[in-house]
Amino acid sequence: RGLWPKAEPKPSELVVRAARDLGFVPARVKDAERVLESLRAVWAADGGSGGDFPDFEAALVRHGIALRRRTRYSNRINSSAPAFSP
């Protein structure tokens, strides 16, 4: 996206996860085209500031990676932590 005018790939799972976490896309929206439309609307509503849409999408990927790391870390902590007993 951004290099070829006709390139319109579906948003990656990381992008969708980040967009839902930030409240940009409701959980009920499942269709990739509608997710992309919602993200474009969010970006446009902000005035398209901070670069091009691919830059916005790249920021969502970074946020999605951070969410995935946090989830993996908390799952590791929770599964290895001894049960608390008073």
PDB file of N, CA and C in Angstrom:
ATOM      1  N   ARG A   1       0.850  -1.171   0.000  1.00  0.00           N
ATOM      2  CA  ARG A   1       0.000   0.000   0.000  1.00  0.00           C
ATOM      3  C   ARG A   1       0.896   1.234   0.000  1.00  0.00           C
ATOM      4  N   GLY A   2       0.559   2.198  -0.797  1.00  0.00           N
ATOM      5  CA  GLY A   2       1.347   3.411  -0.855  1.00  0.00           C
ATOM      6  C   GLY A   2       2.335   3.430  -1.996  1.00  0.00           C
ATOM      7  N   LEU A   3       2.784   2.269  -2.446  1.00  0.00           N
ATOM      8  CA  LEU A   3       3.727   2.223  -3.557  1.00  0.00           C
ATOM      9  C   LEU A   3       3.020   2.080  -4.895  1.00  0.00           C
ATOM     10  N   TRP A   4       1.983   1.267  -4.905  1.00  0.00           N
ATOM     11  CA  TRP A   4       1.226   1.050  -6.126  1.00  0.00           C
ATOM     12  C   TRP A   4      -0.189   1.567  -5.925  1.00  0.00           C
ATOM     13  N   PRO A   5      -0.674   2.417  -6.798  1.00  0.00           N
ATOM     14  CA  PRO A   5      -2.004   3.018  -6.630  1.00  0.00           C
ATOM     15  C   PRO A   5      -3.135   1.997  -6.526  1.00  0.00           C
ATOM     16  N   LYS A   6      -3.004   0.854  -7.192  1.00  0.00           N
ATOM     17  CA  LYS A   6      -4.084  -0.129  -7.172  1.00  0.00           C
ATOM     18  C   LYS A   6      -3.926  -1.174  -6.069  1.00  0.00           C
ATOM     19  N   ALA A   7      -2.880  -1.073  -5.290  1.00  0.00           N
ATOM     20  CA  ALA A   7      -2.655  -2.042  -4.212  1.00  0.00           C
ATOM     21  C   ALA A   7      -3.572  -1.729  -3.038  1.00  0.00           C
ATOM     22  N   GLU A   8      -4.461  -2.622  -2.743  1.00  0.00           N
ATOM     23  CA  GLU A   8      -5.376  -2.465  -1.610  1.00  0.00           C
ATOM     24  C   GLU A   8      -5.466  -3.782  -0.845  1.00  0.00           C
ATOM     25  N   PRO A   9      -4.361  -4.200  -0.201  1.00  0.00           N
ATOM     26  CA  PRO A   9      -4.415  -5.450   0.549  1.00  0.00           C
ATOM     27  C   PRO A   9      -5.337  -5.329   1.759  1.00  0.00           C
ATOM     28  N   LYS A  10      -5.800  -6.459   2.219  1.00  0.00           N
ATOM     29  CA  LYS A  10      -6.613  -6.486   3.438  1.00  0.00           C
ATOM     30  C   LYS A  10      -5.728  -6.088   4.608  1.00  0.00           C
ATOM     31  N   PRO A  11      -6.307  -5.449   5.613  1.00  0.00           N
ATOM     32  CA  PRO A  11      -5.515  -5.116   6.809  1.00  0.00           C
ATOM     33  C   PRO A  11      -5.078  -6.407   7.508  1.00  0.00           C
ATOM     34  N   SER A  12      -3.871  -6.417   8.012  1.00  0.00           N
ATOM     35  CA  SER A  12      -3.362  -7.591   8.717  1.00  0.00           C
ATOM     36  C   SER A  12      -4.093  -7.763  10.050  1.00  0.00           C
ATOM     37  N   GLU A  13      -3.947  -8.939  10.620  1.00  0.00           N
ATOM     38  CA  GLU A  13      -4.580  -9.214  11.917  1.00  0.00           C
ATOM     39  C   GLU A  13      -4.029  -8.276  12.995  1.00  0.00           C
ATOM     40  N   LEU A  14      -2.748  -7.922  12.899  1.00  0.00           N
ATOM     41  CA  LEU A  14      -2.167  -6.982  13.864  1.00  0.00           C
ATOM     42  C   LEU A  14      -2.827  -5.615  13.761  1.00  0.00           C
ATOM     43  N   VAL A  15      -3.085  -5.165  12.552  1.00  0.00           N
ATOM     44  CA  VAL A  15      -3.739  -3.873  12.336  1.00  0.00           C
ATOM     45  C   VAL A  15      -5.152  -3.899  12.902  1.00  0.00           C
ATOM     46  N   VAL A  16      -5.880  -4.972  12.617  1.00  0.00           N
ATOM     47  CA  VAL A  16      -7.261  -5.090  13.102  1.00  0.00           C
ATOM     48  C   VAL A  16      -7.287  -5.127  14.631  1.00  0.00           C
ATOM     49  N   ARG A  17      -6.387  -5.899  15.214  1.00  0.00           N
ATOM     50  CA  ARG A  17      -6.333  -5.999  16.682  1.00  0.00           C
ATOM     51  C   ARG A  17      -6.038  -4.647  17.320  1.00  0.00           C
ATOM     52  N   ALA A  18      -5.074  -3.933  16.752  1.00  0.00           N
ATOM     53  CA  ALA A  18      -4.719  -2.613  17.281  1.00  0.00           C
ATOM     54  C   ALA A  18      -5.869  -1.631  17.111  1.00  0.00           C
ATOM     55  N   ALA A  19      -6.515  -1.668  15.951  1.00  0.00           N
ATOM     56  CA  ALA A  19      -7.632  -0.754  15.687  1.00  0.00           C
ATOM     57  C   ALA A  19      -8.778  -1.008  16.660  1.00  0.00           C
ATOM     58  N   ARG A  20      -9.040  -2.257  16.958  1.00  0.00           N
ATOM     59  CA  ARG A  20     -10.101  -2.572  17.939  1.00  0.00           C
ATOM     60  C   ARG A  20      -9.687  -2.129  19.335  1.00  0.00           C
ATOM     61  N   ASP A  21      -8.434  -2.343  19.680  1.00  0.00           N
ATOM     62  CA  ASP A  21      -7.942  -1.938  21.002  1.00  0.00           C
ATOM     63  C   ASP A  21      -8.066  -0.430  21.196  1.00  0.00           C
ATOM     64  N   LEU A  22      -7.828   0.324  20.136  1.00  0.00           N
ATOM     65  CA  LEU A  22      -7.892   1.787  20.212  1.00  0.00           C
ATOM     66  C   LEU A  22      -9.295   2.337  19.990  1.00  0.00           C
ATOM     67  N   GLY A  23     -10.248   1.451  19.702  1.00  0.00           N
ATOM     68  CA  GLY A  23     -11.629   1.892  19.505  1.00  0.00           C
ATOM     69  C   GLY A  23     -11.912   2.424  18.118  1.00  0.00           C
ATOM     70  N   PHE A  24     -11.029   2.164  17.160  1.00  0.00           N
ATOM     71  CA  PHE A  24     -11.238   2.637  15.796  1.00  0.00           C
ATOM     72  C   PHE A  24     -12.211   1.765  15.017  1.00  0.00           C
ATOM     73  N   VAL A  25     -12.284   0.492  15.377  1.00  0.00           N
ATOM     74  CA  VAL A  25     -13.140  -0.466  14.670  1.00  0.00           C
ATOM     75  C   VAL A  25     -13.895  -1.286  15.712  1.00  0.00           C
ATOM     76  N   PRO A  26     -15.230  -1.302  15.640  1.00  0.00           N
ATOM     77  CA  PRO A  26     -15.993  -2.111  16.595  1.00  0.00           C
ATOM     78  C   PRO A  26     -15.769  -3.607  16.363  1.00  0.00           C
ATOM     79  N   ALA A  27     -15.880  -4.389  17.406  1.00  0.00           N
ATOM     80  CA  ALA A  27     -15.678  -5.842  17.316  1.00  0.00           C
ATOM     81  C   ALA A  27     -16.664  -6.492  16.361  1.00  0.00           C
ATOM     82  N   ARG A  28     -17.838  -5.902  16.195  1.00  0.00           N
ATOM     83  CA  ARG A  28     -18.860  -6.515  15.337  1.00  0.00           C
ATOM     84  C   ARG A  28     -18.514  -6.424  13.853  1.00  0.00           C
ATOM     85  N   VAL A  29     -17.591  -5.529  13.486  1.00  0.00           N
ATOM     86  CA  VAL A  29     -17.182  -5.393  12.086  1.00  0.00           C
ATOM     87  C   VAL A  29     -16.157  -6.487  11.788  1.00  0.00           C
ATOM     88  N   LYS A  30     -16.528  -7.416  10.932  1.00  0.00           N
ATOM     89  CA  LYS A  30     -15.668  -8.555  10.609  1.00  0.00           C
ATOM     90  C   LYS A  30     -15.085  -8.472   9.206  1.00  0.00           C
ATOM     91  N   ASP A  31     -15.796  -7.859   8.277  1.00  0.00           N
ATOM     92  CA  ASP A  31     -15.389  -7.798   6.884  1.00  0.00           C
ATOM     93  C   ASP A  31     -14.152  -6.907   6.723  1.00  0.00           C
ATOM     94  N   ALA A  32     -13.119  -7.429   6.058  1.00  0.00           N
ATOM     95  CA  ALA A  32     -11.864  -6.692   5.894  1.00  0.00           C
ATOM     96  C   ALA A  32     -12.060  -5.372   5.156  1.00  0.00           C
ATOM     97  N   GLU A  33     -12.954  -5.352   4.188  1.00  0.00           N
ATOM     98  CA  GLU A  33     -13.212  -4.116   3.444  1.00  0.00           C
ATOM     99  C   GLU A  33     -13.814  -3.049   4.348  1.00  0.00           C
ATOM    100  N   ARG A  34     -14.726  -3.463   5.213  1.00  0.00           N
ATOM    101  CA  ARG A  34     -15.342  -2.495   6.146  1.00  0.00           C
ATOM    102  C   ARG A  34     -14.333  -2.017   7.184  1.00  0.00           C
ATOM    103  N   VAL A  35     -13.449  -2.909   7.609  1.00  0.00           N
ATOM    104  CA  VAL A  35     -12.387  -2.499   8.542  1.00  0.00           C
ATOM    105  C   VAL A  35     -11.518  -1.439   7.883  1.00  0.00           C
ATOM    106  N   LEU A  36     -11.122  -1.685   6.639  1.00  0.00           N
ATOM    107  CA  LEU A  36     -10.291  -0.730   5.913  1.00  0.00           C
ATOM    108  C   LEU A  36     -11.013   0.604   5.732  1.00  0.00           C
ATOM    109  N   GLU A  37     -12.298   0.555   5.414  1.00  0.00           N
ATOM    110  CA  GLU A  37     -13.086   1.786   5.279  1.00  0.00           C
ATOM    111  C   GLU A  37     -13.111   2.556   6.594  1.00  0.00           C
ATOM    112  N   SER A  38     -13.312   1.844   7.698  1.00  0.00           N
ATOM    113  CA  SER A  38     -13.340   2.489   9.018  1.00  0.00           C
ATOM    114  C   SER A  38     -12.005   3.146   9.335  1.00  0.00           C
ATOM    115  N   LEU A  39     -10.918   2.455   9.024  1.00  0.00           N
ATOM    116  CA  LEU A  39      -9.594   3.011   9.302  1.00  0.00           C
ATOM    117  C   LEU A  39      -9.317   4.245   8.446  1.00  0.00           C
ATOM    118  N   ARG A  40      -9.730   4.174   7.189  1.00  0.00           N
ATOM    119  CA  ARG A  40      -9.556   5.345   6.321  1.00  0.00           C
ATOM    120  C   ARG A  40     -10.373   6.528   6.845  1.00  0.00           C
ATOM    121  N   ALA A  41     -11.567   6.255   7.348  1.00  0.00           N
ATOM    122  CA  ALA A  41     -12.417   7.316   7.897  1.00  0.00           C
ATOM    123  C   ALA A  41     -11.783   7.933   9.141  1.00  0.00           C
ATOM    124  N   VAL A  42     -11.208   7.104  10.009  1.00  0.00           N
ATOM    125  CA  VAL A  42     -10.540   7.604  11.216  1.00  0.00           C
ATOM    126  C   VAL A  42      -9.360   8.482  10.823  1.00  0.00           C
ATOM    127  N   TRP A  43      -8.572   7.997   9.875  1.00  0.00           N
ATOM    128  CA  TRP A  43      -7.405   8.750   9.423  1.00  0.00           C
ATOM    129  C   TRP A  43      -7.822  10.080   8.800  1.00  0.00           C
ATOM    130  N   ALA A  44      -8.857  10.059   7.963  1.00  0.00           N
ATOM    131  CA  ALA A  44      -9.334  11.281   7.306  1.00  0.00           C
ATOM    132  C   ALA A  44      -9.932  12.257   8.317  1.00  0.00           C
ATOM    133  N   ALA A  45     -10.643  11.734   9.316  1.00  0.00           N
ATOM    134  CA  ALA A  45     -11.254  12.597  10.335  1.00  0.00           C
ATOM    135  C   ALA A  45     -10.200  13.359  11.122  1.00  0.00           C
ATOM    136  N   ASP A  46      -9.014  12.769  11.215  1.00  0.00           N
ATOM    137  CA  ASP A  46      -7.921  13.425  11.911  1.00  0.00           C
ATOM    138  C   ASP A  46      -7.204  14.399  10.986  1.00  0.00           C
ATOM    139  N   GLY A  47      -7.726  14.552   9.781  1.00  0.00           N
ATOM    140  CA  GLY A  47      -7.130  15.470   8.826  1.00  0.00           C
ATOM    141  C   GLY A  47      -6.019  14.839   8.013  1.00  0.00           C
ATOM    142  N   GLY A  48      -5.858  13.522   8.162  1.00  0.00           N
ATOM    143  CA  GLY A  48      -4.789  12.859   7.425  1.00  0.00           C
ATOM    144  C   GLY A  48      -3.423  13.353   7.841  1.00  0.00           C
ATOM    145  N   SER A  49      -3.335  13.830   9.078  1.00  0.00           N
ATOM    146  CA  SER A  49      -2.074  14.400   9.541  1.00  0.00           C
ATOM    147  C   SER A  49      -1.077  13.306   9.912  1.00  0.00           C
ATOM    148  N   GLY A  50       0.138  13.664  10.002  1.00  0.00           N
ATOM    149  CA  GLY A  50       1.162  12.727  10.434  1.00  0.00           C
ATOM    150  C   GLY A  50       1.620  11.784   9.346  1.00  0.00           C
ATOM    151  N   GLY A  51       1.466  12.152   8.098  1.00  0.00           N
ATOM    152  CA  GLY A  51       1.924  11.295   7.003  1.00  0.00           C
ATOM    153  C   GLY A  51       0.783  10.746   6.195  1.00  0.00           C
ATOM    154  N   ASP A  52       1.093   9.749   5.424  1.00  0.00           N
ATOM    155  CA  ASP A  52       0.105   9.112   4.566  1.00  0.00           C
ATOM    156  C   ASP A  52      -0.608   7.992   5.314  1.00  0.00           C
ATOM    157  N   PHE A  53      -1.671   7.480   4.703  1.00  0.00           N
ATOM    158  CA  PHE A  53      -2.407   6.379   5.315  1.00  0.00           C
ATOM    159  C   PHE A  53      -1.504   5.178   5.604  1.00  0.00           C
ATOM    160  N   PRO A  54      -0.569   4.805   4.713  1.00  0.00           N
ATOM    161  CA  PRO A  54       0.320   3.689   5.053  1.00  0.00           C
ATOM    162  C   PRO A  54       1.132   3.926   6.323  1.00  0.00           C
ATOM    163  N   ASP A  55       1.461   5.182   6.613  1.00  0.00           N
ATOM    164  CA  ASP A  55       2.157   5.485   7.866  1.00  0.00           C
ATOM    165  C   ASP A  55       1.257   5.204   9.064  1.00  0.00           C
ATOM    166  N   PHE A  56      -0.012   5.574   8.940  1.00  0.00           N
ATOM    167  CA  PHE A  56      -1.006   5.296   9.988  1.00  0.00           C
ATOM    168  C   PHE A  56      -1.142   3.785  10.187  1.00  0.00           C
ATOM    169  N   GLU A  57      -1.210   3.066   9.085  1.00  0.00           N
ATOM    170  CA  GLU A  57      -1.333   1.614   9.156  1.00  0.00           C
ATOM    171  C   GLU A  57      -0.080   0.993   9.801  1.00  0.00           C
ATOM    172  N   ALA A  58       1.090   1.517   9.480  1.00  0.00           N
ATOM    173  CA  ALA A  58       2.331   1.016  10.081  1.00  0.00           C
ATOM    174  C   ALA A  58       2.348   1.253  11.590  1.00  0.00           C
ATOM    175  N   ALA A  59       1.811   2.390  12.017  1.00  0.00           N
ATOM    176  CA  ALA A  59       1.719   2.662  13.457  1.00  0.00           C
ATOM    177  C   ALA A  59       0.786   1.656  14.126  1.00  0.00           C
ATOM    178  N   LEU A  60      -0.297   1.297  13.441  1.00  0.00           N
ATOM    179  CA  LEU A  60      -1.202   0.283  13.985  1.00  0.00           C
ATOM    180  C   LEU A  60      -0.516  -1.077  14.081  1.00  0.00           C
ATOM    181  N   VAL A  61       0.310  -1.404  13.106  1.00  0.00           N
ATOM    182  CA  VAL A  61       1.069  -2.664  13.170  1.00  0.00           C
ATOM    183  C   VAL A  61       1.971  -2.658  14.399  1.00  0.00           C
ATOM    184  N   ARG A  62       2.664  -1.565  14.644  1.00  0.00           N
ATOM    185  CA  ARG A  62       3.543  -1.484  15.821  1.00  0.00           C
ATOM    186  C   ARG A  62       2.749  -1.633  17.113  1.00  0.00           C
ATOM    187  N   HIS A  63       1.578  -1.015  17.165  1.00  0.00           N
ATOM    188  CA  HIS A  63       0.731  -1.147  18.354  1.00  0.00           C
ATOM    189  C   HIS A  63       0.242  -2.595  18.494  1.00  0.00           C
ATOM    190  N   GLY A  64      -0.105  -3.216  17.385  1.00  0.00           N
ATOM    191  CA  GLY A  64      -0.544  -4.611  17.407  1.00  0.00           C
ATOM    192  C   GLY A  64       0.547  -5.542  17.905  1.00  0.00           C
ATOM    193  N   ILE A  65       1.777  -5.290  17.499  1.00  0.00           N
ATOM    194  CA  ILE A  65       2.907  -6.097  17.974  1.00  0.00           C
ATOM    195  C   ILE A  65       3.080  -5.921  19.479  1.00  0.00           C
ATOM    196  N   ALA A  66       2.965  -4.693  19.958  1.00  0.00           N
ATOM    197  CA  ALA A  66       3.075  -4.436  21.397  1.00  0.00           C
ATOM    198  C   ALA A  66       1.970  -5.154  22.159  1.00  0.00           C
ATOM    199  N   LEU A  67       0.756  -5.139  21.620  1.00  0.00           N
ATOM    200  CA  LEU A  67      -0.348  -5.852  22.277  1.00  0.00           C
ATOM    201  C   LEU A  67      -0.071  -7.345  22.331  1.00  0.00           C
ATOM    202  N   ARG A  68       0.421  -7.904  21.235  1.00  0.00           N
ATOM    203  CA  ARG A  68       0.715  -9.333  21.185  1.00  0.00           C
ATOM    204  C   ARG A  68       1.791  -9.686  22.203  1.00  0.00           C
ATOM    205  N   ARG A  69       2.818  -8.851  22.316  1.00  0.00           N
ATOM    206  CA  ARG A  69       3.880  -9.109  23.301  1.00  0.00           C
ATOM    207  C   ARG A  69       3.332  -9.064  24.721  1.00  0.00           C
ATOM    208  N   ARG A  70       2.497  -8.050  25.001  1.00  0.00           N
ATOM    209  CA  ARG A  70       1.917  -7.941  26.341  1.00  0.00           C
ATOM    210  C   ARG A  70       1.076  -9.154  26.674  1.00  0.00           C
ATOM    211  N   THR A  71       0.293  -9.620  25.703  1.00  0.00           N
ATOM    212  CA  THR A  71      -0.561 -10.784  25.929  1.00  0.00           C
ATOM    213  C   THR A  71       0.284 -12.016  26.201  1.00  0.00           C
ATOM    214  N   ARG A  72       1.311 -12.225  25.391  1.00  0.00           N
ATOM    215  CA  ARG A  72       2.193 -13.382  25.595  1.00  0.00           C
ATOM    216  C   ARG A  72       2.888 -13.299  26.940  1.00  0.00           C
ATOM    217  N   TYR A  73       3.365 -12.114  27.311  1.00  0.00           N
ATOM    218  CA  TYR A  73       4.056 -11.942  28.583  1.00  0.00           C
ATOM    219  C   TYR A  73       3.109 -12.212  29.755  1.00  0.00           C
ATOM    220  N   SER A  74       1.912 -11.649  29.698  1.00  0.00           N
ATOM    221  CA  SER A  74       0.980 -11.850  30.813  1.00  0.00           C
ATOM    222  C   SER A  74       0.516 -13.297  30.878  1.00  0.00           C
ATOM    223  N   ASN A  75       0.385 -13.968  29.739  1.00  0.00           N
ATOM    224  CA  ASN A  75       0.022 -15.388  29.754  1.00  0.00           C
ATOM    225  C   ASN A  75       1.125 -16.217  30.384  1.00  0.00           C
ATOM    226  N   ARG A  76       2.383 -15.878  30.079  1.00  0.00           N
ATOM    227  CA  ARG A  76       3.510 -16.595  30.671  1.00  0.00           C
ATOM    228  C   ARG A  76       3.561 -16.386  32.174  1.00  0.00           C
ATOM    229  N   ILE A  77       3.353 -15.148  32.591  1.00  0.00           N
ATOM    230  CA  ILE A  77       3.385 -14.825  34.019  1.00  0.00           C
ATOM    231  C   ILE A  77       2.253 -15.548  34.736  1.00  0.00           C
ATOM    232  N   ASN A  78       1.049 -15.477  34.177  1.00  0.00           N
ATOM    233  CA  ASN A  78      -0.106 -16.088  34.822  1.00  0.00           C
ATOM    234  C   ASN A  78      -0.010 -17.604  34.880  1.00  0.00           C
ATOM    235  N   SER A  79       0.564 -18.234  33.889  1.00  0.00           N
ATOM    236  CA  SER A  79       0.648 -19.692  33.885  1.00  0.00           C
ATOM    237  C   SER A  79       1.775 -20.209  34.750  1.00  0.00           C
ATOM    238  N   SER A  80       2.800 -19.385  34.998  1.00  0.00           N
ATOM    239  CA  SER A  80       3.923 -19.858  35.809  1.00  0.00           C
ATOM    240  C   SER A  80       3.842 -19.368  37.253  1.00  0.00           C
ATOM    241  N   ALA A  81       2.930 -18.481  37.539  1.00  0.00           N
ATOM    242  CA  ALA A  81       2.822 -17.950  38.903  1.00  0.00           C
ATOM    243  C   ALA A  81       2.169 -18.979  39.823  1.00  0.00           C
ATOM    244  N   PRO A  82       2.754 -19.166  40.990  1.00  0.00           N
ATOM    245  CA  PRO A  82       2.125 -20.095  41.940  1.00  0.00           C
ATOM    246  C   PRO A  82       0.803 -19.527  42.448  1.00  0.00           C
ATOM    247  N   ALA A  83      -0.086 -20.400  42.744  1.00  0.00           N
ATOM    248  CA  ALA A  83      -1.388 -19.968  43.272  1.00  0.00           C
ATOM    249  C   ALA A  83      -1.175 -19.350  44.646  1.00  0.00           C
ATOM    250  N   PHE A  84      -1.885 -18.287  44.900  1.00  0.00           N
ATOM    251  CA  PHE A  84      -1.774 -17.601  46.201  1.00  0.00           C
ATOM    252  C   PHE A  84      -2.679 -18.297  47.201  1.00  0.00           C
ATOM    253  N   SER A  85      -2.135 -18.600  48.315  1.00  0.00           N
ATOM    254  CA  SER A  85      -2.981 -19.168  49.385  1.00  0.00           C
ATOM    255  C   SER A  85      -2.589 -18.492  50.691  1.00  0.00           C
ATOM    256  N   PRO A  86      -3.559 -17.914  51.356  1.00  0.00           N
ATOM    257  CA  PRO A  86      -3.255 -17.180  52.608  1.00  0.00           C
ATOM    258  C   PRO A  86      -2.906 -18.087  53.747  1.00  0.00           C
TER     259      PRO A  86
END
